[in-house]
Amino acid sequence: MFLAFLAVMAMSSRSEIPPEAWNCSNQIEVWCTVDSCDAKAADETTPMAVSAHRDGEFSVCAYTGCWEGRAAPVEALGRRLWAADDVAFSSNESFTANISLLIIEGEGVGFVRVGGIATPLLCARAESGGP
């Protein structure tokens, strides 16, 4: 019986197992203010590297550093949300930002809002255990 269980587990698709972590990146850069949102030209887009873990750790990297922190992720209907306020930037701790990170797990699509950036993300399951 135990061997049959192991065989079923080995044959199960990795997509059926909830991911422990995600790695995300942007293809475009969108900046929003109270009045409007504008996409940057393709040659002006800043690459971002975003990682998030089910235990709440996250990092949002752009420019010369990262906003790194911990949140209490909320899960609802296949969507996972990390939110944290006053997260310091690694290369300038006085430069803090509020972070909102949303990942739609079944689609591998996400969204990040940090500082003035409000941009869509493409996300993939991470092989490692953390960001």
N, C-alpha and C. Protein backbone atom coordinates (compact mmCIF):
# COMPACT_ATOMS: atom_id res chain seq x y z
N MET A 1 0.82 -1.19 0.00
CA MET A 1 0.00 0.00 0.00
C MET A 1 0.87 1.26 0.00
N PHE A 2 1.89 1.28 0.83
CA PHE A 2 2.78 2.43 0.91
C PHE A 2 3.50 2.66 -0.42
N LEU A 3 3.92 1.57 -1.08
CA LEU A 3 4.58 1.71 -2.38
C LEU A 3 3.64 2.28 -3.43
N ALA A 4 2.37 1.91 -3.37
CA ALA A 4 1.39 2.47 -4.31
C ALA A 4 1.23 3.97 -4.08
N PHE A 5 1.22 4.39 -2.82
CA PHE A 5 1.13 5.81 -2.49
C PHE A 5 2.32 6.56 -3.04
N LEU A 6 3.53 6.01 -2.85
CA LEU A 6 4.73 6.65 -3.37
C LEU A 6 4.70 6.75 -4.89
N ALA A 7 4.19 5.73 -5.56
CA ALA A 7 4.11 5.76 -7.03
C ALA A 7 3.15 6.85 -7.49
N VAL A 8 2.03 6.99 -6.82
CA VAL A 8 1.07 8.05 -7.18
C VAL A 8 1.69 9.41 -6.96
N MET A 9 2.37 9.59 -5.84
CA MET A 9 3.02 10.87 -5.56
C MET A 9 4.09 11.20 -6.60
N ALA A 10 4.85 10.21 -7.02
CA ALA A 10 5.91 10.44 -8.01
C ALA A 10 5.33 10.82 -9.36
N MET A 11 4.14 10.32 -9.67
CA MET A 11 3.53 10.60 -10.97
C MET A 11 2.74 11.91 -10.96
N SER A 12 2.49 12.47 -9.78
CA SER A 12 1.69 13.69 -9.73
C SER A 12 2.45 14.83 -10.39
N SER A 13 1.71 15.68 -11.04
CA SER A 13 2.30 16.83 -11.73
C SER A 13 2.77 17.85 -10.72
N ARG A 14 3.91 18.49 -10.99
CA ARG A 14 4.40 19.54 -10.12
C ARG A 14 3.43 20.72 -10.08
N SER A 15 2.64 20.87 -11.14
CA SER A 15 1.69 21.98 -11.16
C SER A 15 0.55 21.76 -10.17
N GLU A 16 0.38 20.53 -9.68
CA GLU A 16 -0.66 20.25 -8.69
C GLU A 16 -0.19 20.59 -7.28
N ILE A 17 1.11 20.75 -7.09
CA ILE A 17 1.66 21.06 -5.78
C ILE A 17 1.75 22.57 -5.64
N PRO A 18 1.16 23.15 -4.60
CA PRO A 18 1.26 24.60 -4.44
C PRO A 18 2.71 25.04 -4.37
N PRO A 19 3.08 26.09 -5.08
CA PRO A 19 4.46 26.53 -5.05
C PRO A 19 4.82 27.15 -3.71
N GLU A 20 6.04 26.93 -3.29
CA GLU A 20 6.54 27.56 -2.07
C GLU A 20 7.05 28.96 -2.34
N ALA A 21 7.52 29.19 -3.57
CA ALA A 21 8.12 30.49 -3.89
C ALA A 21 7.90 30.81 -5.36
N TRP A 22 7.99 32.08 -5.67
CA TRP A 22 7.82 32.58 -7.03
C TRP A 22 8.95 33.53 -7.37
N ASN A 23 9.38 33.53 -8.64
CA ASN A 23 10.29 34.52 -9.19
C ASN A 23 9.56 35.22 -10.32
N CYS A 24 9.60 36.54 -10.33
CA CYS A 24 8.85 37.32 -11.31
C CYS A 24 9.75 38.37 -11.96
N SER A 25 9.36 38.79 -13.15
CA SER A 25 10.07 39.87 -13.84
C SER A 25 9.06 40.66 -14.67
N ASN A 26 9.47 41.84 -15.06
CA ASN A 26 8.60 42.71 -15.85
C ASN A 26 9.08 42.77 -17.30
N GLN A 27 8.15 42.97 -18.20
CA GLN A 27 8.49 43.22 -19.60
C GLN A 27 8.26 44.68 -19.96
N ILE A 28 7.46 45.35 -19.15
CA ILE A 28 7.20 46.78 -19.32
C ILE A 28 7.30 47.44 -17.95
N GLU A 29 7.40 48.74 -17.96
CA GLU A 29 7.44 49.50 -16.71
C GLU A 29 6.35 50.55 -16.76
N VAL A 30 5.49 50.52 -15.77
CA VAL A 30 4.39 51.48 -15.69
C VAL A 30 4.56 52.30 -14.42
N TRP A 31 4.42 53.62 -14.55
CA TRP A 31 4.49 54.54 -13.43
C TRP A 31 3.12 55.18 -13.27
N CYS A 32 2.63 55.21 -12.03
CA CYS A 32 1.31 55.80 -11.77
C CYS A 32 1.40 56.87 -10.69
N THR A 33 0.59 57.89 -10.88
CA THR A 33 0.39 58.94 -9.88
C THR A 33 -1.11 59.00 -9.63
N VAL A 34 -1.52 59.93 -8.83
CA VAL A 34 -2.94 60.10 -8.55
C VAL A 34 -3.72 60.39 -9.83
N ASP A 35 -3.08 61.11 -10.76
CA ASP A 35 -3.77 61.57 -11.97
C ASP A 35 -3.69 60.65 -13.17
N SER A 36 -2.61 59.85 -13.28
CA SER A 36 -2.46 59.05 -14.51
C SER A 36 -1.43 57.95 -14.34
N CYS A 37 -1.45 57.03 -15.29
CA CYS A 37 -0.45 55.98 -15.40
C CYS A 37 0.15 56.05 -16.80
N ASP A 38 1.45 55.89 -16.88
CA ASP A 38 2.15 55.93 -18.17
C ASP A 38 3.14 54.79 -18.25
N ALA A 39 3.18 54.12 -19.41
CA ALA A 39 4.16 53.07 -19.64
C ALA A 39 5.42 53.70 -20.22
N LYS A 40 6.57 53.25 -19.76
CA LYS A 40 7.84 53.73 -20.30
C LYS A 40 8.07 53.09 -21.66
N ALA A 41 8.85 53.76 -22.50
CA ALA A 41 9.24 53.18 -23.80
C ALA A 41 10.07 51.93 -23.53
N ALA A 42 10.03 50.98 -24.46
CA ALA A 42 10.73 49.71 -24.28
C ALA A 42 12.20 49.89 -23.96
N ASP A 43 12.85 50.85 -24.58
CA ASP A 43 14.28 51.06 -24.34
C ASP A 43 14.55 51.82 -23.04
N GLU A 44 13.51 52.25 -22.34
CA GLU A 44 13.66 52.95 -21.05
C GLU A 44 13.17 52.11 -19.87
N THR A 45 12.73 50.89 -20.14
CA THR A 45 12.19 50.03 -19.09
C THR A 45 13.30 49.52 -18.18
N THR A 46 13.10 49.65 -16.89
CA THR A 46 14.04 49.13 -15.89
C THR A 46 13.68 47.69 -15.59
N PRO A 47 14.59 46.76 -15.80
CA PRO A 47 14.31 45.36 -15.45
C PRO A 47 14.12 45.23 -13.93
N MET A 48 13.15 44.44 -13.56
CA MET A 48 12.90 44.17 -12.15
C MET A 48 13.00 42.68 -11.89
N ALA A 49 13.46 42.32 -10.72
CA ALA A 49 13.49 40.93 -10.27
C ALA A 49 12.72 40.88 -8.96
N VAL A 50 11.65 40.13 -8.95
CA VAL A 50 10.78 40.05 -7.79
C VAL A 50 10.72 38.60 -7.35
N SER A 51 10.87 38.36 -6.07
CA SER A 51 10.70 37.01 -5.54
C SER A 51 9.83 37.08 -4.30
N ALA A 52 9.07 36.03 -4.10
CA ALA A 52 8.17 35.98 -2.95
C ALA A 52 8.02 34.54 -2.50
N HIS A 53 7.93 34.36 -1.21
CA HIS A 53 7.85 33.04 -0.61
C HIS A 53 6.56 32.93 0.19
N ARG A 54 6.01 31.73 0.25
CA ARG A 54 4.77 31.50 1.00
C ARG A 54 4.89 31.90 2.46
N ASP A 55 6.11 31.84 3.02
CA ASP A 55 6.26 32.18 4.44
C ASP A 55 6.25 33.68 4.69
N GLY A 56 6.18 34.48 3.60
CA GLY A 56 6.06 35.93 3.75
C GLY A 56 7.26 36.73 3.30
N GLU A 57 8.42 36.09 3.12
CA GLU A 57 9.60 36.83 2.66
C GLU A 57 9.39 37.26 1.21
N PHE A 58 9.88 38.46 0.90
CA PHE A 58 9.79 38.94 -0.49
C PHE A 58 10.95 39.88 -0.76
N SER A 59 11.25 40.06 -2.04
CA SER A 59 12.20 41.09 -2.47
C SER A 59 11.73 41.64 -3.81
N VAL A 60 11.86 42.94 -3.95
CA VAL A 60 11.52 43.64 -5.18
C VAL A 60 12.77 44.43 -5.55
N CYS A 61 13.47 43.97 -6.59
CA CYS A 61 14.75 44.56 -6.97
C CYS A 61 14.61 45.36 -8.26
N ALA A 62 15.20 46.54 -8.26
CA ALA A 62 15.22 47.43 -9.42
C ALA A 62 16.35 48.42 -9.22
N TYR A 63 16.84 48.95 -10.30
CA TYR A 63 17.91 49.95 -10.21
C TYR A 63 19.14 49.35 -9.54
N THR A 64 19.54 49.87 -8.41
CA THR A 64 20.79 49.45 -7.77
C THR A 64 20.57 48.72 -6.45
N GLY A 65 19.39 48.22 -6.23
CA GLY A 65 19.15 47.53 -4.97
C GLY A 65 17.79 46.88 -4.92
N CYS A 66 17.40 46.52 -3.70
CA CYS A 66 16.15 45.79 -3.49
C CYS A 66 15.41 46.31 -2.27
N TRP A 67 14.11 46.25 -2.34
CA TRP A 67 13.27 46.39 -1.16
C TRP A 67 13.05 44.96 -0.69
N GLU A 68 13.47 44.65 0.51
CA GLU A 68 13.34 43.28 1.02
C GLU A 68 12.62 43.33 2.36
N GLY A 69 11.70 42.40 2.53
CA GLY A 69 10.97 42.41 3.78
C GLY A 69 10.18 41.14 3.99
N ARG A 70 9.27 41.23 4.92
CA ARG A 70 8.40 40.12 5.28
C ARG A 70 7.00 40.66 5.44
N ALA A 71 6.05 39.90 4.97
CA ALA A 71 4.64 40.26 5.08
C ALA A 71 3.87 39.03 5.55
N ALA A 72 2.62 39.20 5.83
CA ALA A 72 1.73 38.08 6.13
C ALA A 72 0.89 37.87 4.87
N PRO A 73 1.33 36.98 3.96
CA PRO A 73 0.59 36.83 2.70
C PRO A 73 -0.85 36.39 2.95
N VAL A 74 -1.72 36.91 2.11
CA VAL A 74 -3.13 36.55 2.15
C VAL A 74 -3.44 35.77 0.89
N GLU A 75 -4.15 34.67 1.03
CA GLU A 75 -4.51 33.86 -0.13
C GLU A 75 -6.02 33.83 -0.28
N ALA A 76 -6.48 34.09 -1.50
CA ALA A 76 -7.91 34.02 -1.79
C ALA A 76 -8.11 33.64 -3.25
N LEU A 77 -8.83 32.58 -3.48
CA LEU A 77 -9.23 32.17 -4.82
C LEU A 77 -8.06 32.08 -5.80
N GLY A 78 -6.95 31.48 -5.37
CA GLY A 78 -5.79 31.32 -6.23
C GLY A 78 -4.94 32.55 -6.41
N ARG A 79 -5.23 33.57 -5.62
CA ARG A 79 -4.44 34.79 -5.66
C ARG A 79 -3.71 34.93 -4.33
N ARG A 80 -2.46 35.36 -4.40
CA ARG A 80 -1.68 35.55 -3.18
C ARG A 80 -1.20 36.99 -3.15
N LEU A 81 -1.37 37.64 -2.01
CA LEU A 81 -1.04 39.05 -1.85
C LEU A 81 -0.07 39.23 -0.70
N TRP A 82 1.04 39.95 -0.97
CA TRP A 82 1.99 40.38 0.04
C TRP A 82 1.87 41.89 0.13
N ALA A 83 1.80 42.45 1.33
CA ALA A 83 1.72 43.90 1.51
C ALA A 83 2.55 44.28 2.73
N ALA A 84 3.37 45.32 2.55
CA ALA A 84 4.20 45.81 3.66
C ALA A 84 4.44 47.30 3.46
N ASP A 85 4.53 48.02 4.55
CA ASP A 85 4.77 49.46 4.51
C ASP A 85 6.17 49.80 4.99
N ASP A 86 6.69 50.91 4.49
CA ASP A 86 7.98 51.46 4.92
C ASP A 86 9.13 50.45 4.81
N VAL A 87 9.20 49.78 3.67
CA VAL A 87 10.28 48.81 3.42
C VAL A 87 11.49 49.58 2.90
N ALA A 88 12.64 49.39 3.54
CA ALA A 88 13.87 50.11 3.17
C ALA A 88 14.48 49.53 1.90
N PHE A 89 15.10 50.40 1.12
CA PHE A 89 15.84 50.02 -0.09
C PHE A 89 17.26 49.67 0.32
N SER A 90 17.78 48.56 -0.18
CA SER A 90 19.06 48.03 0.31
C SER A 90 20.24 48.99 0.13
N SER A 91 20.26 49.77 -0.93
CA SER A 91 21.41 50.65 -1.15
C SER A 91 21.20 52.07 -0.59
N ASN A 92 20.01 52.32 -0.03
CA ASN A 92 19.73 53.62 0.58
C ASN A 92 18.56 53.41 1.54
N GLU A 93 18.87 53.07 2.78
CA GLU A 93 17.83 52.70 3.74
C GLU A 93 16.85 53.82 4.05
N SER A 94 17.21 55.08 3.74
CA SER A 94 16.27 56.17 3.98
C SER A 94 15.22 56.23 2.86
N PHE A 95 15.44 55.49 1.78
CA PHE A 95 14.49 55.44 0.66
C PHE A 95 13.56 54.25 0.90
N THR A 96 12.43 54.51 1.54
CA THR A 96 11.49 53.44 1.86
C THR A 96 10.30 53.50 0.92
N ALA A 97 9.58 52.40 0.84
CA ALA A 97 8.40 52.34 -0.02
C ALA A 97 7.39 51.36 0.57
N ASN A 98 6.15 51.60 0.25
CA ASN A 98 5.09 50.64 0.56
C ASN A 98 5.04 49.65 -0.59
N ILE A 99 4.92 48.37 -0.27
CA ILE A 99 4.95 47.31 -1.27
C ILE A 99 3.59 46.62 -1.31
N SER A 100 3.07 46.44 -2.53
CA SER A 100 1.91 45.58 -2.78
C SER A 100 2.32 44.65 -3.90
N LEU A 101 2.27 43.35 -3.64
CA LEU A 101 2.64 42.34 -4.62
C LEU A 101 1.52 41.32 -4.71
N LEU A 102 1.01 41.11 -5.90
CA LEU A 102 -0.07 40.17 -6.14
C LEU A 102 0.39 39.15 -7.17
N ILE A 103 0.18 37.86 -6.89
CA ILE A 103 0.48 36.81 -7.86
C ILE A 103 -0.76 35.94 -8.01
N ILE A 104 -1.17 35.74 -9.26
CA ILE A 104 -2.27 34.83 -9.59
C ILE A 104 -1.59 33.50 -9.91
N GLU A 105 -1.60 32.59 -8.95
CA GLU A 105 -0.79 31.40 -9.02
C GLU A 105 -1.09 30.51 -10.22
N GLY A 106 -2.34 30.35 -10.59
CA GLY A 106 -2.69 29.46 -11.70
C GLY A 106 -2.30 30.00 -13.07
N GLU A 107 -2.03 31.30 -13.15
CA GLU A 107 -1.71 31.92 -14.43
C GLU A 107 -0.26 32.38 -14.54
N GLY A 108 0.44 32.47 -13.41
CA GLY A 108 1.82 32.95 -13.45
C GLY A 108 1.91 34.42 -13.83
N VAL A 109 0.89 35.17 -13.47
CA VAL A 109 0.84 36.60 -13.76
C VAL A 109 0.76 37.33 -12.43
N GLY A 110 1.39 38.49 -12.36
CA GLY A 110 1.35 39.23 -11.12
C GLY A 110 1.35 40.73 -11.37
N PHE A 111 1.45 41.45 -10.26
CA PHE A 111 1.44 42.91 -10.28
C PHE A 111 2.23 43.38 -9.07
N VAL A 112 3.04 44.42 -9.26
CA VAL A 112 3.75 45.00 -8.13
C VAL A 112 3.53 46.50 -8.13
N ARG A 113 3.36 47.04 -6.94
CA ARG A 113 3.26 48.49 -6.73
C ARG A 113 4.31 48.82 -5.68
N VAL A 114 5.30 49.61 -6.07
CA VAL A 114 6.36 50.02 -5.15
C VAL A 114 6.79 51.42 -5.58
N GLY A 115 6.76 52.36 -4.64
CA GLY A 115 7.05 53.74 -5.03
C GLY A 115 6.06 54.17 -6.10
N GLY A 116 6.54 54.74 -7.18
CA GLY A 116 5.67 55.13 -8.27
C GLY A 116 5.43 54.04 -9.29
N ILE A 117 6.15 52.92 -9.15
CA ILE A 117 6.00 51.83 -10.12
C ILE A 117 4.73 51.05 -9.81
N ALA A 118 3.94 50.79 -10.84
CA ALA A 118 2.74 49.96 -10.74
C ALA A 118 2.70 49.14 -12.03
N THR A 119 3.28 47.95 -12.00
CA THR A 119 3.53 47.26 -13.26
C THR A 119 3.17 45.78 -13.22
N PRO A 120 2.77 45.23 -14.35
CA PRO A 120 2.48 43.79 -14.42
C PRO A 120 3.77 42.97 -14.41
N LEU A 121 3.65 41.72 -13.97
CA LEU A 121 4.77 40.81 -13.88
C LEU A 121 4.43 39.46 -14.50
N LEU A 122 5.45 38.79 -15.00
CA LEU A 122 5.34 37.38 -15.38
C LEU A 122 6.08 36.60 -14.31
N CYS A 123 5.44 35.56 -13.76
CA CYS A 123 5.98 34.84 -12.62
C CYS A 123 6.10 33.35 -12.91
N ALA A 124 7.11 32.73 -12.32
CA ALA A 124 7.33 31.29 -12.44
C ALA A 124 7.62 30.72 -11.07
N ARG A 125 7.25 29.48 -10.90
CA ARG A 125 7.56 28.80 -9.66
C ARG A 125 9.06 28.80 -9.44
N ALA A 126 9.48 29.05 -8.22
CA ALA A 126 10.91 29.04 -7.89
C ALA A 126 11.29 27.66 -7.40
N GLU A 127 12.45 27.21 -7.80
CA GLU A 127 12.95 25.92 -7.35
C GLU A 127 13.50 25.99 -5.93
N SER A 128 14.03 27.16 -5.56
CA SER A 128 14.62 27.30 -4.23
C SER A 128 13.53 27.53 -3.20
N GLY A 129 13.93 27.45 -1.94
CA GLY A 129 12.97 27.60 -0.86
C GLY A 129 12.73 29.03 -0.44
N GLY A 130 13.34 30.03 -1.03
CA GLY A 130 13.14 31.40 -0.59
C GLY A 130 13.57 32.39 -1.64
N PRO A 131 13.31 33.67 -1.38
CA PRO A 131 13.66 34.70 -2.37
C PRO A 131 15.14 34.94 -2.45
